[in-house]
Amino acid sequence: MKREQLLELLAPYNPWWKITTDWRSNLPDYRRPIVDELLADIRDLPQVISITGPRRVGKTTAVRQAVGLLLDRGIASESIL
């Protein structure tokens, strides 16, 4: 699979890759407590991190909040998958 094909396949799951996308508009104002742990794991662990749990407990919200914080810290959006 070529790089362009891979990026096209992954783009719908990474809305922060497009500047025009307002993907933060649906996030709550409060930060999920697990976000700080998630960011620490991203910083300290050299492998892929899997987030699991029951339905509707806030996994997607926590990941999107973490992505927002990474972007606010100056991490390039293309570096966040």
Protein backbone atom coordinates (compact mmCIF):
# COMPACT_ATOMS: atom_id res chain seq x y z
CA MET A 1 0.00 0.00 0.00
CA LYS A 2 1.38 3.40 -0.96
CA ARG A 3 1.76 6.21 1.56
CA GLU A 4 -0.97 8.29 -0.10
CA GLN A 5 -3.41 5.37 0.06
CA LEU A 6 -2.60 4.79 3.72
CA LEU A 7 -3.10 8.46 4.59
CA GLU A 8 -6.40 8.51 2.73
CA LEU A 9 -7.52 5.42 4.64
CA LEU A 10 -6.55 6.87 8.04
CA ALA A 11 -7.73 10.48 7.48
CA PRO A 12 -11.37 9.96 8.59
CA TYR A 13 -10.11 8.64 11.94
CA ASN A 14 -7.74 11.59 12.46
CA PRO A 15 -9.81 14.76 11.94
CA TRP A 16 -7.10 16.95 13.51
CA TRP A 17 -5.03 16.44 10.34
CA LYS A 18 -7.26 19.04 8.65
CA ILE A 19 -7.04 22.56 10.02
CA THR A 20 -10.57 23.37 8.83
CA THR A 21 -12.15 20.59 10.89
CA ASP A 22 -13.74 21.74 14.16
CA TRP A 23 -13.40 18.35 15.85
CA ARG A 24 -13.04 19.88 19.35
CA SER A 25 -16.50 21.47 19.33
CA ASN A 26 -18.21 18.40 20.87
CA LEU A 27 -15.70 17.89 23.68
CA PRO A 28 -16.79 18.70 27.25
CA ASP A 29 -15.11 21.59 29.08
CA TYR A 30 -13.86 19.34 31.88
CA ARG A 31 -10.85 17.08 31.37
CA ARG A 32 -11.28 13.38 31.96
CA PRO A 33 -8.97 12.27 34.82
CA ILE A 34 -7.47 9.49 32.72
CA VAL A 35 -6.08 12.01 30.19
CA ASP A 36 -3.05 12.86 32.33
CA GLU A 37 -2.22 9.15 32.72
CA LEU A 38 -2.66 8.66 28.99
CA LEU A 39 -0.29 11.53 28.19
CA ALA A 40 2.28 10.17 30.67
CA ASP A 41 2.08 6.74 29.03
CA ILE A 42 2.49 8.27 25.58
CA ARG A 43 5.58 10.10 26.80
CA ASP A 44 7.14 7.22 28.74
CA LEU A 45 6.24 4.04 26.86
CA PRO A 46 7.88 3.22 23.52
CA GLN A 47 5.04 1.05 22.24
CA VAL A 48 1.46 1.38 21.03
CA ILE A 49 -1.07 1.99 23.79
CA SER A 50 -4.46 0.30 23.63
CA ILE A 51 -7.43 1.90 25.35
CA THR A 52 -10.17 -0.55 26.21
CA GLY A 53 -13.29 -0.53 28.30
CA PRO A 54 -17.05 -0.84 28.24
CA ARG A 55 -19.14 1.13 25.80
CA ARG A 56 -19.92 4.79 26.52
CA VAL A 57 -17.46 5.33 29.38
CA GLY A 58 -15.46 8.10 27.68
CA LYS A 59 -12.63 6.40 25.80
CA THR A 60 -13.04 8.53 22.67
CA THR A 61 -13.47 11.71 24.70
CA ALA A 62 -10.27 11.00 26.64
CA VAL A 63 -8.30 10.33 23.46
CA ARG A 64 -9.61 13.48 21.77
CA GLN A 65 -8.79 15.56 24.85
CA ALA A 66 -5.27 14.10 24.85
CA VAL A 67 -4.89 14.91 21.15
CA GLY A 68 -6.02 18.47 21.82
CA LEU A 69 -3.46 18.87 24.59
CA LEU A 70 -0.70 17.46 22.37
CA LEU A 71 -1.62 19.93 19.63
CA ASP A 72 -1.66 22.77 22.18
CA ARG A 73 1.87 21.75 23.20
CA GLY A 74 3.05 22.16 19.62
CA ILE A 75 3.13 18.54 18.48
CA ALA A 76 2.59 18.39 14.72
CA SER A 77 -0.87 17.05 13.85
CA GLU A 78 0.68 14.63 11.33
CA SER A 79 2.62 13.05 14.21
CA ILE A 80 -0.57 12.12 16.07
CA LEU A 81 -2.38 8.99 14.93
